[in-house]
Structure formats: C-alpha cells, structure tokens
Amino acid sequence: MLIDRFGRAIEYLRLSVTDRCDLRCSYCLPKGFKHFEEPDNWLTFDEIERVVAMFARLGTRRVRLTGGEPLLRRNLPQLAARLAALPGLEDLSLTTNGTQLRRHAEALRAAGVRRLNLSLDSLRRDCVEDITGSDSLPKVLEGLMAAKDAGFAPIKINMVAMRGVNEQDIESMTAFCIAHGFILRLIEAMPMGDTGRAAHYLDLQPVLRRLCEQFDLVEQAKTLGGGPARYWSSRDGRFSLGMITPISQHFCASCNRVRLSVDGTLYMCLGQEEKLELRPLLRAGIDDAGLEAALRAAIELKPERHEFREQPQKLVRFMSMTGG
C-alpha cells in the first residue's frame, strides 16, 4: 500500500487525459486561454497504462478519468478498456461536461466505465451559457439521458454553487435529480488561479440546512464512491445529496487521492505545489523497481492539508491544468 506520512492510504488516482476543453467554465479555464500542453508532452496510452498498473499493484483501487474534457482525447474508450482490465483495479469512473457524451456513452459503458459524474451548474439555458461561454445545455442534457439509457448508475451531477450566479437554482436542480434518479453533489468553488478566486464563493453549510428541512434529508453513514463528498438522503432512500466543502469544512484528514496531469505531473494535493514529474522518468527508461520507488517517494511529499482559506492567493495554476 501507498501510505503517506500522515497515515493516509492512497487508493484513488484522478487521471487527466487532456487539459483541453470545449467549454470555458468561469471557475476553471480563463476566457481566451490557448496555452495548452503540446500533444508530444501528453502521456501516451502505453505510459498511462504502465503508471496506473503500478498504482494498482501498490493498492490503488479507484481511477477516475478527467480533463479538461476527457472525451476530447481521441480513442478514450480504448484506453478505458485497457485500464478496466488491469489486475487490482476495482472502480473506473469518468467526469465529463456532457457535450460529447451522447456519441460515446455506449462505448464507454462497454469499455468498463461504470460510474459517471457530469458537471452541470444550472438548468437555465442562459445561466449555463454565462458560466460555460457556450449555449451547451441542450447538448449536455442529450448526453445525460444517453448515459442513463446506456445503463450508467449511479450518475452524479456536479454543481458548483456560486453566490449570485446559480444559488437560486439549487432547489430546481434537486427536484430534477429526484425526478430522474440522479445523485446531486454541490461543490464549493475553490480559489485555484484567478478564475477560481473570481468564482463568487458560496458557503454550503446554510444551504445544506435549508435542503435538509425542505426535502426531509438525513445524513448517511455510508459513502458513495471514493471521493470527499459527505452524503444525505431522503428517508425513502430514493435520493442522495452530496456536499463537497473544501472551504467551509475541509476533508484533508481523510484525503486518499493524488492527481496525474496529462503531461505526467503527479500532484500530491489539489491546493498545494508538491509534485513529481513522471514523464521524464518514463521516457528515460525507468524500470518497474525505479518507478515504484519514485511513486513511494512522491507520496512522502503529500502535505497534511491545503490552505485555501488561509492563503487563497497562493495557488497560481487553475483547475484544468491540474486535472479535475
């Protein structure tokens, strides 16, 4: 097992397969940004498979494919099938903005992806366009229903809740998820780069109290997936609400994950700078023993916690550079 110096087992890898996206969400990617990683610097499918296989041998059981928008990476279902077949890997999931999902849902399901998180911040077309820079809501909803028809379950809707932007849409999103059997996850905006710091942070603790009263929700003891969300459910068990609160109530003490960016940089914490650049090692011909040693040394660098509240100006890289 990979155990960091604070006793946390690292069993979850978030794997970015591209830093490119067809949307420009205001909290993630700056408008007009064009300085994406060159394709020659992307990890190849062979390199990705080798790194994930080593993580799996060292006890990592969950991998989530992320971006940017991961479905912009050509032949992604082929990579998914290769990863799903790795010994020791128990859970392969994907986070998407949904714009490409209608075309790929069945292929992803056949490849071994079992769970989907879909980013959707409002059901109002004008609000979605304001946030994403694109009139994308109809295409996203098509993709969402295609995924449901393909048999993905559970499907989680990730909603970044922002003060004065979409906070008035939380109840309607809750009702939508109840009607369709989706899990809703509300996420506090994080101060990552200038985009994140301008994202109109909303404290979700008062929102949670309001939703519990309005929809008669009770806290769940079990988790749903390997991530940081805490969950509440309706008394009949038909609806679950997840809360991801890195600012108002951080979850660093139980952090079980690291992130691998498209260029092979392994980040130990979303909100800190500790990292290991794997691509040079892989392309220099490192053997398996050396790769294992490098991963173990990297995990030793994992910090105890982020400092989003104490030092919101600290992190200059924005979300899409790290991987979701």
Protein backbone atom coordinates (compact mmCIF):
# COMPACT_ATOMS: atom_id res chain seq x y z
CA MET A 1 0.00 0.00 0.00
CA LEU A 2 0.96 3.61 -0.53
CA ILE A 3 0.74 5.24 2.91
CA ASP A 4 1.70 8.88 3.35
CA ARG A 5 3.48 10.28 6.41
CA PHE A 6 0.13 11.18 7.99
CA GLY A 7 -1.13 7.60 7.81
CA ARG A 8 -3.49 8.09 4.86
CA ALA A 9 -3.75 5.22 2.36
CA ILE A 10 -3.63 6.45 -1.24
CA GLU A 11 -6.21 4.34 -3.01
CA TYR A 12 -7.64 6.81 -5.53
CA LEU A 13 -5.98 8.26 -8.66
CA ARG A 14 -7.57 11.05 -10.66
CA LEU A 15 -6.14 10.79 -14.16
CA SER A 16 -6.30 13.73 -16.57
CA VAL A 17 -6.15 12.59 -20.19
CA THR A 18 -6.26 16.12 -21.64
CA ASP A 19 -6.11 19.71 -20.42
CA ARG A 20 -8.29 20.86 -23.33
CA CYS A 21 -11.98 21.60 -23.09
CA ASP A 22 -14.75 22.71 -25.43
CA LEU A 23 -16.26 24.92 -22.69
CA ARG A 24 -14.81 27.82 -20.72
CA CYS A 25 -16.38 27.49 -17.29
CA SER A 26 -15.73 30.67 -15.39
CA TYR A 27 -14.26 28.91 -12.32
CA CYS A 28 -11.99 26.58 -14.29
CA LEU A 29 -10.47 27.90 -17.51
CA PRO A 30 -9.75 31.55 -18.39
CA LYS A 31 -11.55 33.00 -21.39
CA GLY A 32 -9.28 33.11 -24.42
CA PHE A 33 -6.72 30.76 -22.89
CA LYS A 34 -4.71 28.94 -25.58
CA HIS A 35 -1.57 27.76 -23.80
CA PHE A 36 -2.49 24.10 -23.66
CA GLU A 37 0.05 21.32 -23.28
CA GLU A 38 1.58 20.19 -26.57
CA PRO A 39 0.44 16.70 -27.65
CA ASP A 40 4.04 15.45 -27.71
CA ASN A 41 4.08 16.05 -23.95
CA TRP A 42 0.90 14.09 -23.27
CA LEU A 43 1.41 10.72 -21.69
CA THR A 44 0.72 8.04 -24.30
CA PHE A 45 -1.81 5.30 -23.64
CA ASP A 46 1.09 2.87 -23.05
CA GLU A 47 2.64 5.22 -20.49
CA ILE A 48 -0.69 5.80 -18.77
CA GLU A 49 -1.38 2.08 -18.57
CA ARG A 50 2.06 1.44 -17.08
CA VAL A 51 1.67 4.09 -14.39
CA VAL A 52 -1.88 3.03 -13.48
CA ALA A 53 -0.80 -0.63 -13.36
CA MET A 54 1.93 0.28 -10.87
CA PHE A 55 -0.54 2.25 -8.75
CA ALA A 56 -2.88 -0.75 -8.80
CA ARG A 57 -0.07 -3.07 -7.68
CA LEU A 58 0.54 -0.68 -4.80
CA GLY A 59 -3.05 -0.74 -3.58
CA THR A 60 -4.80 1.97 -5.58
CA ARG A 61 -8.27 0.63 -6.33
CA ARG A 62 -10.07 3.56 -7.92
CA VAL A 63 -9.24 5.58 -11.04
CA ARG A 64 -11.27 8.47 -12.37
CA LEU A 65 -10.70 9.78 -15.91
CA THR A 66 -10.79 13.57 -16.01
CA GLY A 67 -9.66 16.55 -18.09
CA GLY A 68 -10.17 19.26 -19.24
CA GLU A 69 -12.90 17.38 -21.02
CA PRO A 70 -11.71 13.76 -21.21
CA LEU A 71 -13.93 12.85 -24.17
CA LEU A 72 -11.87 15.19 -26.35
CA ARG A 73 -9.00 12.69 -26.09
CA ARG A 74 -9.16 10.53 -29.21
CA ASN A 75 -9.97 6.84 -28.68
CA LEU A 76 -10.66 7.29 -24.98
CA PRO A 77 -12.88 4.16 -24.78
CA GLN A 78 -9.87 2.12 -25.91
CA LEU A 79 -7.80 3.48 -23.02
CA ALA A 80 -10.70 2.84 -20.64
CA ALA A 81 -10.86 -0.81 -21.72
CA ARG A 82 -7.13 -1.24 -21.12
CA LEU A 83 -7.36 0.27 -17.65
CA ALA A 84 -10.51 -1.63 -16.69
CA ALA A 85 -8.66 -4.89 -17.39
CA LEU A 86 -5.77 -4.16 -15.01
CA PRO A 87 -5.47 -6.54 -12.05
CA GLY A 88 -6.37 -4.89 -8.76
CA LEU A 89 -8.35 -2.00 -10.24
CA GLU A 90 -11.88 -2.20 -8.86
CA ASP A 91 -13.52 1.03 -9.99
CA LEU A 92 -13.12 3.04 -13.20
CA SER A 93 -15.19 6.19 -13.49
CA LEU A 94 -15.25 9.38 -15.56
CA THR A 95 -16.05 13.05 -15.07
CA THR A 96 -17.39 14.90 -18.11
CA ASN A 97 -19.13 18.11 -19.08
CA GLY A 98 -21.52 16.01 -21.17
CA THR A 99 -21.15 17.76 -24.52
CA GLN A 100 -19.64 14.69 -26.21
CA LEU A 101 -21.42 12.08 -24.14
CA ARG A 102 -24.26 11.19 -26.49
CA ARG A 103 -21.76 9.81 -29.03
CA HIS A 104 -19.61 7.95 -26.51
CA ALA A 105 -21.90 6.70 -23.73
CA GLU A 106 -22.41 3.17 -25.03
CA ALA A 107 -18.74 2.69 -25.95
CA LEU A 108 -17.62 3.86 -22.51
CA ARG A 109 -20.03 1.51 -20.81
CA ALA A 110 -18.83 -1.40 -22.95
CA ALA A 111 -15.21 -0.50 -22.18
CA GLY A 112 -15.72 -0.90 -18.44
CA VAL A 113 -16.51 2.59 -17.17
CA ARG A 114 -19.22 2.06 -14.57
CA ARG A 115 -19.87 5.44 -13.00
CA LEU A 116 -20.21 8.95 -14.39
CA ASN A 117 -20.03 12.39 -12.86
CA LEU A 118 -21.49 15.09 -15.09
CA SER A 119 -20.80 18.77 -14.49
CA LEU A 120 -23.97 20.85 -14.74
CA ASP A 121 -24.37 24.10 -12.84
CA SER A 122 -27.91 25.12 -13.80
CA LEU A 123 -30.98 24.07 -15.76
CA ARG A 124 -31.43 27.61 -17.05
CA ARG A 125 -30.06 27.88 -20.57
CA ASP A 126 -28.90 31.48 -20.19
CA CYS A 127 -27.17 30.74 -16.89
CA VAL A 128 -25.30 27.77 -18.37
CA GLU A 129 -24.20 29.94 -21.28
CA ASP A 130 -22.97 32.64 -18.92
CA ILE A 131 -20.94 30.14 -16.87
CA THR A 132 -19.57 27.99 -19.72
CA GLY A 133 -19.29 30.55 -22.52
CA SER A 134 -21.41 28.30 -24.74
CA ASP A 135 -25.09 27.56 -25.36
CA SER A 136 -24.40 23.99 -24.34
CA LEU A 137 -27.37 22.97 -22.15
CA PRO A 138 -29.39 21.07 -24.83
CA LYS A 139 -26.35 19.02 -25.86
CA VAL A 140 -25.45 18.29 -22.24
CA LEU A 141 -28.96 17.10 -21.42
CA GLU A 142 -28.93 14.85 -24.51
CA GLY A 143 -25.67 13.32 -23.30
CA LEU A 144 -27.01 12.87 -19.80
CA MET A 145 -30.06 10.96 -20.97
CA ALA A 146 -27.93 8.87 -23.35
CA ALA A 147 -25.77 7.85 -20.40
CA LYS A 148 -28.85 6.91 -18.40
CA ASP A 149 -30.14 4.83 -21.31
CA ALA A 150 -26.73 3.14 -21.64
CA GLY A 151 -27.08 1.84 -18.08
CA PHE A 152 -24.74 4.05 -16.10
CA ALA A 153 -25.66 4.07 -12.43
CA PRO A 154 -25.24 5.96 -10.32
CA ILE A 155 -24.93 9.16 -12.32
CA LYS A 156 -23.81 12.09 -10.19
CA ILE A 157 -24.50 15.69 -11.15
CA ASN A 158 -21.71 18.02 -10.02
CA MET A 159 -22.97 21.55 -9.43
CA VAL A 160 -20.51 24.28 -8.42
CA ALA A 161 -22.74 26.54 -6.34
CA MET A 162 -21.88 30.24 -6.68
CA ARG A 163 -23.27 33.20 -4.82
CA GLY A 164 -25.36 35.45 -7.05
CA VAL A 165 -24.80 33.22 -10.10
CA ASN A 166 -26.70 29.96 -9.70
CA GLU A 167 -27.52 29.65 -6.00
CA GLN A 168 -31.19 30.23 -6.83
CA ASP A 169 -31.10 27.07 -8.99
CA ILE A 170 -30.17 24.61 -6.24
CA GLU A 171 -33.77 23.64 -5.38
CA SER A 172 -34.74 23.14 -9.03
CA MET A 173 -31.62 21.02 -9.60
CA THR A 174 -32.52 18.96 -6.55
CA ALA A 175 -36.02 18.35 -7.89
CA PHE A 176 -34.60 17.42 -11.32
CA CYS A 177 -32.26 14.85 -9.78
CA ILE A 178 -35.04 13.38 -7.66
CA ALA A 179 -37.22 13.00 -10.76
CA HIS A 180 -34.52 11.24 -12.79
CA GLY A 181 -32.79 9.19 -10.12
CA PHE A 182 -29.53 11.15 -10.22
CA ILE A 183 -27.31 11.98 -7.25
CA LEU A 184 -26.75 15.71 -6.80
CA ARG A 185 -23.38 16.91 -5.48
CA LEU A 186 -22.98 20.55 -4.50
CA ILE A 187 -19.41 21.85 -4.62
CA GLU A 188 -17.87 24.96 -3.14
CA ALA A 189 -15.77 26.98 -5.58
CA MET A 190 -12.05 26.70 -4.84
CA PRO A 191 -9.56 29.60 -5.19
CA MET A 192 -7.40 27.96 -7.85
CA GLY A 193 -5.82 30.63 -10.02
CA ASP A 194 -7.54 33.89 -10.90
CA THR A 195 -10.53 32.01 -12.33
CA GLY A 196 -11.24 30.17 -9.09
CA ARG A 197 -10.76 33.25 -6.92
CA ALA A 198 -13.33 35.14 -9.00
CA ALA A 199 -15.96 32.38 -8.71
CA HIS A 200 -18.28 34.00 -6.12
CA TYR A 201 -17.71 31.58 -3.25
CA LEU A 202 -20.86 30.34 -1.51
CA ASP A 203 -20.71 28.71 1.93
CA LEU A 204 -22.71 25.49 1.58
CA GLN A 205 -23.42 24.90 5.27
CA PRO A 206 -26.57 27.12 5.35
CA VAL A 207 -27.63 25.62 2.02
CA LEU A 208 -27.38 22.13 3.48
CA ARG A 209 -29.56 23.04 6.46
CA ARG A 210 -32.18 24.51 4.12
CA LEU A 211 -32.24 21.46 1.83
CA CYS A 212 -32.45 19.02 4.74
CA GLU A 213 -35.52 20.80 6.01
CA GLN A 214 -37.16 21.30 2.62
CA PHE A 215 -36.58 17.76 1.28
CA ASP A 216 -36.53 15.89 4.63
CA LEU A 217 -32.94 14.63 4.23
CA VAL A 218 -30.96 12.69 6.82
CA GLU A 219 -27.20 12.14 6.94
CA GLN A 220 -25.90 8.87 5.50
CA ALA A 221 -23.25 6.80 7.23
CA LYS A 222 -22.01 5.20 4.01
CA THR A 223 -20.05 6.90 1.26
CA LEU A 224 -20.92 6.70 -2.43
CA GLY A 225 -17.63 6.28 -4.29
CA GLY A 226 -14.14 7.04 -3.12
CA GLY A 227 -14.21 10.82 -3.14
CA PRO A 228 -14.56 13.53 -0.50
CA ALA A 229 -18.32 14.07 -0.55
CA ARG A 230 -20.46 13.63 2.55
CA TYR A 231 -23.97 12.41 1.79
CA TRP A 232 -27.52 12.97 2.93
CA SER A 233 -30.51 11.02 1.63
CA SER A 234 -34.28 11.13 1.58
CA ARG A 235 -35.96 8.88 4.13
CA ASP A 236 -37.20 6.56 1.39
CA GLY A 237 -33.64 6.19 0.06
CA ARG A 238 -34.56 7.29 -3.46
CA PHE A 239 -32.44 10.47 -3.49
CA SER A 240 -28.95 11.30 -2.29
CA LEU A 241 -27.31 14.69 -1.89
CA GLY A 242 -23.54 15.02 -1.69
CA MET A 243 -21.67 18.01 -0.31
CA ILE A 244 -18.05 18.81 -1.21
CA THR A 245 -16.95 21.62 1.08
CA PRO A 246 -13.18 22.22 0.81
CA ILE A 247 -13.51 25.71 2.30
CA SER A 248 -16.25 25.67 4.93
CA GLN A 249 -15.49 22.14 6.19
CA HIS A 250 -12.38 20.65 4.64
CA PHE A 251 -11.75 16.90 4.44
CA CYS A 252 -7.96 16.81 4.27
CA ALA A 253 -7.56 14.38 7.19
CA SER A 254 -9.18 11.64 5.11
CA CYS A 255 -7.69 12.55 1.71
CA ASN A 256 -6.97 9.32 -0.15
CA ARG A 257 -6.07 10.62 -3.63
CA VAL A 258 -3.45 12.09 -5.91
CA ARG A 259 -3.79 13.59 -9.39
CA LEU A 260 -1.87 12.79 -12.57
CA SER A 261 -1.99 15.55 -15.19
CA VAL A 262 -1.91 14.97 -18.93
CA ASP A 263 1.82 15.77 -19.11
CA GLY A 264 2.69 13.20 -16.46
CA THR A 265 2.97 15.52 -13.47
CA LEU A 266 1.79 13.81 -10.30
CA TYR A 267 0.26 16.35 -7.91
CA MET A 268 0.00 15.35 -4.26
CA CYS A 269 -2.67 17.94 -3.36
CA LEU A 270 -5.12 20.00 -5.38
CA GLY A 271 -4.29 23.06 -3.30
CA GLN A 272 -0.51 22.75 -2.91
CA GLU A 273 2.52 22.58 -5.20
CA GLU A 274 4.19 19.30 -4.17
CA LYS A 275 4.61 17.20 -7.32
CA LEU A 276 6.64 14.62 -9.22
CA GLU A 277 7.26 14.79 -12.96
CA LEU A 278 6.88 11.24 -14.22
CA ARG A 279 7.16 11.78 -17.96
CA PRO A 280 10.95 12.34 -18.00
CA LEU A 281 11.43 9.21 -15.90
CA LEU A 282 9.23 7.10 -18.15
CA ARG A 283 10.90 8.30 -21.33
CA ALA A 284 14.35 7.76 -19.87
CA GLY A 285 13.53 4.07 -19.49
CA ILE A 286 12.97 3.76 -15.75
CA ASP A 287 12.37 0.14 -14.70
CA ASP A 288 9.49 -1.06 -12.53
CA ALA A 289 11.55 -1.02 -9.34
CA GLY A 290 12.57 2.58 -10.02
CA LEU A 291 9.00 3.57 -10.85
CA GLU A 292 7.73 2.06 -7.61
CA ALA A 293 10.43 3.86 -5.64
CA ALA A 294 9.57 7.16 -7.35
CA LEU A 295 5.87 6.82 -6.50
CA ARG A 296 6.63 5.96 -2.89
CA ALA A 297 8.95 8.96 -2.60
CA ALA A 298 6.29 11.20 -4.15
CA ILE A 299 3.65 10.10 -1.66
CA GLU A 300 6.01 11.13 1.13
CA LEU A 301 5.69 14.69 -0.19
CA LYS A 302 1.92 14.79 0.24
CA PRO A 303 1.10 17.72 2.55
CA GLU A 304 -1.19 17.47 5.54
CA ARG A 305 -3.76 19.88 4.11
CA HIS A 306 -4.46 22.67 1.67
CA GLU A 307 -4.52 26.35 2.66
CA PHE A 308 -7.41 27.62 0.56
CA ARG A 309 -8.85 29.63 3.44
CA GLU A 310 -5.59 30.89 4.94
CA GLN A 311 -3.79 31.70 1.67
CA PRO A 312 -6.34 31.99 -1.15
CA GLN A 313 -3.80 33.81 -3.38
CA LYS A 314 -1.20 31.06 -3.06
CA LEU A 315 -2.07 28.80 -5.99
CA VAL A 316 -1.50 30.26 -9.44
CA ARG A 317 -2.32 27.21 -11.56
CA PHE A 318 -6.00 26.86 -12.43
CA MET A 319 -8.18 23.79 -12.28
CA SER A 320 -7.86 22.45 -15.82
CA MET A 321 -4.04 22.43 -15.56
CA THR A 322 -4.15 20.04 -12.62
CA GLY A 323 -6.95 17.75 -13.74
CA GLY A 324 -10.40 17.81 -12.21
